[in-house]
Protein backbone atom coordinates (compact mmCIF):
# COMPACT_ATOMS: atom_id res chain seq x y z
CA UNK A 1 12.00 -5.04 28.56
CA UNK A 2 14.40 -7.08 26.32
CA UNK A 3 13.19 -9.87 29.09
CA UNK A 4 9.42 -9.38 28.27
CA UNK A 5 9.88 -9.38 24.74
CA UNK A 6 12.02 -12.99 24.96
CA UNK A 7 9.32 -13.89 27.30
CA UNK A 8 6.77 -13.23 24.60
CA UNK A 9 8.45 -15.12 22.05
CA UNK A 10 8.83 -18.02 24.59
CA UNK A 11 4.87 -18.04 24.88
CA UNK A 12 4.34 -17.90 21.01
CA UNK A 13 6.57 -21.22 20.51
CA UNK A 14 5.20 -22.77 23.60
CA UNK A 15 1.51 -22.05 21.72
CA UNK A 16 2.79 -23.40 18.51
CA UNK A 17 4.13 -26.35 19.85
CA UNK A 18 1.63 -27.47 22.53
CA UNK A 19 -0.68 -28.75 19.92
CA UNK A 20 1.32 -29.79 17.49
CA UNK A 21 0.56 -33.20 15.86
CA UNK A 22 3.08 -34.30 13.47
CA UNK A 23 0.31 -36.38 11.34
CA UNK A 24 0.14 -36.46 7.31
CA UNK A 25 -3.60 -35.22 6.34
CA UNK A 26 -4.18 -37.20 3.35
CA UNK A 27 -5.98 -35.51 0.36
CA UNK A 28 -9.29 -36.81 -0.50
CA UNK A 29 -9.15 -35.60 -4.07
CA UNK A 30 -8.54 -37.90 -6.89
CA UNK A 31 -5.75 -37.63 -9.34
CA UNK A 32 -8.25 -35.60 -11.87
CA UNK A 33 -9.43 -33.59 -9.26
CA UNK A 34 -5.78 -32.29 -8.51
CA UNK A 35 -5.27 -31.85 -12.07
CA UNK A 36 -8.44 -29.66 -12.52
CA UNK A 37 -7.30 -27.68 -9.50
CA UNK A 38 -3.82 -27.28 -10.90
CA UNK A 39 -5.16 -26.11 -14.24
CA UNK A 40 -7.37 -23.77 -12.55
CA UNK A 41 -4.66 -22.07 -10.21
CA UNK A 42 -2.72 -21.72 -13.56
CA UNK A 43 -5.63 -19.85 -15.20
CA UNK A 44 -5.95 -17.80 -12.20
CA UNK A 45 -2.20 -16.98 -12.25
CA UNK A 46 -2.02 -16.28 -16.03
CA UNK A 47 -5.17 -14.05 -15.39
CA UNK A 48 -3.27 -11.85 -12.86
CA UNK A 49 0.13 -11.77 -14.58
CA UNK A 50 -1.49 -11.33 -18.14
CA UNK A 51 -1.93 -7.13 -17.79
CA UNK A 52 1.82 -6.87 -16.16
CA UNK A 53 3.01 -8.89 -19.55
CA UNK A 54 1.44 -6.66 -21.95
CA UNK A 55 1.73 -3.48 -19.99
CA UNK A 56 5.68 -4.47 -20.28
CA UNK A 57 5.47 -5.87 -23.90
CA UNK A 58 3.58 -2.30 -24.96
CA UNK A 59 6.27 0.07 -23.39
CA UNK A 60 9.08 -1.89 -25.53
CA UNK A 61 7.14 -1.93 -28.86
CA UNK A 62 8.09 0.37 -31.79
CA UNK A 63 5.95 3.02 -33.10
CA UNK A 64 4.81 0.64 -36.21
CA UNK A 65 4.07 -2.14 -33.74
CA UNK A 66 2.02 0.16 -31.56
CA UNK A 67 -0.80 0.85 -34.41
CA UNK A 68 -1.08 -2.78 -35.21
CA UNK A 69 -4.88 -3.98 -35.24
CA UNK A 70 -5.61 -6.28 -33.57
CA UNK A 71 -2.87 -5.60 -31.01
CA UNK A 72 0.01 -8.59 -30.82
CA UNK A 73 0.50 -9.07 -27.18
CA UNK A 74 4.34 -9.50 -27.52
CA UNK A 75 6.82 -7.20 -28.89
CA UNK A 76 8.54 -8.58 -32.05
CA UNK A 77 11.56 -6.06 -32.25
CA UNK A 78 11.85 -4.67 -28.58
CA UNK A 79 13.08 -1.37 -28.30
CA UNK A 80 13.78 1.27 -25.57
CA UNK A 81 13.04 3.93 -27.27
CA UNK A 82 9.81 5.30 -25.45
CA UNK A 83 11.63 5.15 -22.08
CA UNK A 84 14.28 7.37 -24.01
CA UNK A 85 11.45 9.51 -25.32
CA UNK A 86 9.67 9.49 -21.66
CA UNK A 87 12.78 10.78 -20.13
CA UNK A 88 13.36 13.52 -22.83
CA UNK A 89 9.97 14.81 -22.40
CA UNK A 90 10.35 15.10 -18.56
CA UNK A 91 13.40 16.56 -19.16
CA UNK A 92 12.06 19.51 -20.71
CA UNK A 93 8.57 20.39 -18.62
CA UNK A 94 8.10 23.49 -17.69
CA UNK A 95 8.84 22.61 -14.17
CA UNK A 96 11.60 20.75 -13.70
CA UNK A 97 10.74 17.09 -12.94
CA UNK A 98 13.02 17.09 -9.83
CA UNK A 99 10.66 19.38 -8.40
CA UNK A 100 7.33 16.94 -8.79
CA UNK A 101 9.46 14.27 -7.84
CA UNK A 102 10.24 16.03 -4.42
CA UNK A 103 6.74 16.88 -4.12
CA UNK A 104 5.66 13.28 -4.29
CA UNK A 105 8.68 12.02 -2.16
CA UNK A 106 7.31 14.46 0.68
CA UNK A 107 4.12 13.29 0.64
CA UNK A 108 5.01 9.90 0.47
CA UNK A 109 7.27 10.07 3.34
CA UNK A 110 5.06 12.70 5.54
CA UNK A 111 2.14 10.72 4.92
CA UNK A 112 3.05 7.09 5.05
CA UNK A 113 5.02 7.71 8.45
CA UNK A 114 2.42 10.31 10.10
CA UNK A 115 -0.18 7.45 9.29
CA UNK A 116 1.38 4.48 10.72
CA UNK A 117 2.08 6.59 13.87
CA UNK A 118 -1.61 7.82 14.41
CA UNK A 119 -2.84 4.72 13.11
CA UNK A 120 -0.83 2.53 15.75
CA UNK A 121 -1.74 5.19 18.69
CA UNK A 122 -5.28 4.72 18.06
CA UNK A 123 -5.51 0.95 17.46
CA UNK A 124 -3.81 0.35 20.73
CA UNK A 125 -6.03 1.51 23.21
CA UNK A 126 -9.04 0.04 20.67
CA UNK A 127 -7.74 -3.35 20.95
CA UNK A 128 -6.87 -3.49 24.55
CA UNK A 129 -9.18 -0.99 26.52
CA UNK A 130 -12.73 -1.04 27.10
CA UNK A 131 -14.12 2.52 27.81
CA UNK A 132 -17.73 4.08 26.86
CA UNK A 133 -18.37 4.37 23.38
CA UNK A 134 -15.25 1.81 22.00
CA UNK A 135 -17.99 -0.75 20.57
CA UNK A 136 -19.11 1.90 18.67
CA UNK A 137 -15.84 3.62 17.27
CA UNK A 138 -14.94 0.00 16.11
CA UNK A 139 -18.37 -0.24 14.36
CA UNK A 140 -17.52 2.63 12.60
CA UNK A 141 -14.19 1.90 11.79
CA UNK A 142 -15.69 -1.22 10.00
CA UNK A 143 -18.33 0.97 8.33
CA UNK A 144 -15.89 3.53 7.00
CA UNK A 145 -13.75 1.17 5.01
CA UNK A 146 -17.16 0.38 2.99
CA UNK A 147 -17.27 3.87 1.55
CA UNK A 148 -15.80 4.88 -1.56
CA UNK A 149 -13.30 7.67 -1.83
CA UNK A 150 -15.57 9.66 -4.39
CA UNK A 151 -18.24 9.65 -1.43
CA UNK A 152 -15.80 11.71 0.51
CA UNK A 153 -14.60 13.75 -2.08
CA UNK A 154 -16.64 16.87 -1.07
CA UNK A 155 -16.48 16.38 2.80
CA UNK A 156 -12.59 16.27 2.35
CA UNK A 157 -12.44 19.45 0.13
CA UNK A 158 -14.63 21.45 2.42
CA UNK A 159 -12.58 20.09 5.44
CA UNK A 160 -9.36 21.17 3.99
CA UNK A 161 -10.62 24.58 2.78
CA UNK A 162 -11.67 25.55 5.97
CA UNK A 163 -8.43 24.61 7.17
CA UNK A 164 -6.52 26.82 4.88
CA UNK A 165 -4.65 24.23 3.25
CA UNK A 166 -5.86 24.26 -0.37
CA UNK A 167 -2.73 24.23 -2.92
CA UNK A 168 -0.50 22.24 -0.53
CA UNK A 169 0.89 18.82 0.00
CA UNK A 170 -1.26 18.83 3.25
CA UNK A 171 -3.98 18.53 1.18
CA UNK A 172 -2.90 15.16 0.20
CA UNK A 173 -1.41 14.51 3.02
CA UNK A 174 -4.04 15.26 5.86
CA UNK A 175 -6.70 13.14 4.65
CA UNK A 176 -4.52 10.23 4.40
CA UNK A 177 -3.62 10.46 7.87
CA UNK A 178 -7.51 9.67 8.57
CA UNK A 179 -7.52 6.39 6.56
CA UNK A 180 -9.08 3.71 8.90
CA UNK A 181 -7.62 0.94 6.81
CA UNK A 182 -4.46 0.47 8.58
CA UNK A 183 -6.23 1.38 11.96
CA UNK A 184 -8.25 -1.43 11.14
CA UNK A 185 -5.29 -4.02 10.17
CA UNK A 186 -3.14 -2.95 13.43
CA UNK A 187 -5.98 -3.25 15.71
CA UNK A 188 -6.93 -6.69 14.88
CA UNK A 189 -3.12 -7.93 14.79
CA UNK A 190 -2.60 -6.31 18.44
CA UNK A 191 -5.80 -8.14 19.74
CA UNK A 192 -3.72 -11.08 19.38
CA UNK A 193 -0.85 -9.96 21.86
CA UNK A 194 -1.66 -11.20 25.42
CA UNK A 195 -2.66 -8.92 28.34
CA UNK A 196 -0.47 -10.61 30.55
CA UNK A 197 2.51 -9.49 28.92
CA UNK A 198 1.53 -5.84 28.91
CA UNK A 199 0.58 -6.53 32.50
CA UNK A 200 4.28 -7.57 33.00
CA UNK A 201 5.54 -4.47 31.85
CA UNK A 202 3.41 -2.09 34.20
CA UNK A 203 4.98 -3.91 36.90
CA UNK A 204 8.39 -3.96 35.77
CA UNK A 205 7.74 0.44 35.75
CA UNK A 206 6.81 1.03 31.82
CA UNK A 207 4.21 3.44 31.40
CA UNK A 208 1.68 3.43 28.37
CA UNK A 209 3.72 5.05 25.76
CA UNK A 210 6.93 2.94 26.64
CA UNK A 211 4.83 0.01 26.30
CA UNK A 212 3.33 1.21 23.03
CA UNK A 213 6.59 1.46 21.72
CA UNK A 214 8.76 -0.83 23.28
CA UNK A 215 6.49 -3.76 23.47
CA UNK A 216 3.45 -3.64 21.14
CA UNK A 217 4.98 -1.97 18.10
CA UNK A 218 8.21 -4.60 17.37
CA UNK A 219 5.43 -7.26 18.04
CA UNK A 220 3.03 -5.92 15.33
CA UNK A 221 5.57 -5.11 12.71
CA UNK A 222 4.01 -7.16 10.28
CA UNK A 223 0.87 -5.17 10.24
CA UNK A 224 2.43 -1.80 10.05
CA UNK A 225 4.69 -3.20 7.38
CA UNK A 226 1.61 -3.92 5.51
CA UNK A 227 -0.40 -0.85 6.27
CA UNK A 228 2.81 1.08 5.24
CA UNK A 229 3.06 -0.51 1.82
CA UNK A 230 -0.80 0.15 1.33
CA UNK A 231 -0.62 3.96 2.18
CA UNK A 232 2.63 4.47 0.27
CA UNK A 233 0.91 3.11 -2.92
CA UNK A 234 -1.95 5.41 -2.51
CA UNK A 235 0.21 8.25 -1.76
CA UNK A 236 2.57 7.56 -4.76
CA UNK A 237 -0.33 7.35 -7.11
CA UNK A 238 -2.21 10.00 -5.97
CA UNK A 239 -2.55 13.34 -8.36
CA UNK A 240 -3.79 15.28 -6.17
CA UNK A 241 -5.23 17.26 -8.86
CA UNK A 242 -8.54 18.65 -6.95
CA UNK A 243 -7.00 20.03 -3.93
CA UNK A 244 -3.61 21.42 -5.73
CA UNK A 245 -3.84 24.04 -8.74
CA UNK A 246 -0.09 25.30 -9.06
CA UNK A 247 1.83 23.21 -11.31
CA UNK A 248 4.96 23.78 -9.00
CA UNK A 249 2.95 22.11 -6.34
CA UNK A 250 1.92 19.17 -7.86
CA UNK A 251 3.59 15.56 -7.84
CA UNK A 252 5.10 13.09 -10.24
CA UNK A 253 2.01 11.35 -10.41
CA UNK A 254 0.07 14.19 -11.88
CA UNK A 255 3.03 15.29 -14.26
CA UNK A 256 3.18 11.44 -15.65
CA UNK A 257 -0.76 11.08 -16.09
CA UNK A 258 -0.64 14.38 -18.11
CA UNK A 259 2.31 13.28 -20.40
CA UNK A 260 0.68 10.03 -20.69
CA UNK A 261 -2.64 11.49 -21.89
CA UNK A 262 -0.98 13.45 -24.54
CA UNK A 263 -1.78 16.76 -22.65
CA UNK A 264 1.67 18.05 -22.34
CA UNK A 265 2.74 19.93 -25.87
CA UNK A 266 5.18 18.27 -28.01
CA UNK A 267 4.76 14.92 -27.40
CA UNK A 268 2.62 14.06 -30.46
CA UNK A 269 1.77 10.85 -31.76
CA UNK A 270 4.25 9.07 -29.63
CA UNK A 271 2.33 9.57 -26.54
CA UNK A 272 1.04 5.98 -26.85
CA UNK A 273 4.69 4.53 -26.09
CA UNK A 274 5.26 7.13 -23.78
CA UNK A 275 1.90 6.24 -21.94
CA UNK A 276 3.02 2.43 -21.84
CA UNK A 277 6.60 3.37 -20.37
CA UNK A 278 5.39 5.97 -17.66
CA UNK A 279 2.61 3.09 -16.68
CA UNK A 280 5.49 0.77 -16.16
CA UNK A 281 7.63 3.55 -14.01
CA UNK A 282 4.74 4.18 -11.84
CA UNK A 283 3.69 0.49 -11.49
CA UNK A 284 7.71 -0.36 -10.73
CA UNK A 285 7.83 1.48 -7.50
CA UNK A 286 5.38 0.06 -5.43
CA UNK A 287 6.30 -3.10 -6.82
CA UNK A 288 9.93 -2.63 -5.81
CA UNK A 289 8.43 -1.75 -1.91
CA UNK A 290 6.20 -4.90 -1.88
CA UNK A 291 9.01 -7.38 -2.98
CA UNK A 292 11.49 -6.03 -0.26
CA UNK A 293 8.46 -6.09 2.44
CA UNK A 294 6.60 -9.46 1.17
CA UNK A 295 7.95 -11.43 3.95
CA UNK A 296 6.12 -9.10 6.47
CA UNK A 297 2.61 -8.89 4.60
CA UNK A 298 2.61 -12.97 3.71
CA UNK A 299 3.12 -13.23 7.81
CA UNK A 300 0.55 -10.73 8.61
CA UNK A 301 -1.88 -12.64 6.37
CA UNK A 302 -1.37 -15.92 7.97
CA UNK A 303 -1.97 -14.56 11.37
CA UNK A 304 -5.10 -12.54 10.61
CA UNK A 305 -7.40 -15.25 11.69
CA UNK A 306 -5.53 -16.23 14.80
CA UNK A 307 -6.80 -15.76 18.20
CA UNK A 308 -5.46 -16.41 21.76
């Protein structure tokens, strides 16, 4: 199997260097065209980065700056009191915050890993084998990406209720397994793997399962990581309040949402600052995961349009 992996890497290297021409393409834009393009990119960068700056600034504002109108973008006297109040309120909730964190981590871990495994197992035959109904299934996967979550809410509820999984974490995990975004991404990535590589593995005596886990999975690692980040964020921010009713079964996102909206008693008017601090906390976790794995995400996007 290691020999096959090396052969595939050599195949990719030869493919990239075969038609390589070290020519420098001269830009046809004028000086002012480059200036306008640079200003446009700076404006777009500011547009996307401004909400993050404002959110962090809000979380560091003292009480007297939070209620100023019109609101100030940047904080004048930064303080960490909002984060301190956020921790204090979490420490005094009816259900211990450690229980809520455990519920969220359980959902994120089982849901993300389970989705990656199931999506990769489904994507492999759809990408590499033609069977009756495969074209129809591929079309259904594409069409499913157009449906909003609200459209599938009632069918999901009826399915989960019929399975007897209401008021459990499985009510969030099971629908997450069926998400088609990761399946679509991995199927497109697997289509780029040359069939000769898997044929060589079969001649070497490898079965379908071994080929999938030892040949295909390492090659499509960038797509796996990208899908993992997407489902991680979806599970982390899922409150599950439509399926879970017992307080002890609810996740961290639900508790933070209740706290941020001022519905948890004892917060008072300081819930505005606590809401800003909680937004930063919820945003920071997916951001850290993305920063750790961003190289694989860039690799996925760079090769998503390549064809053999």
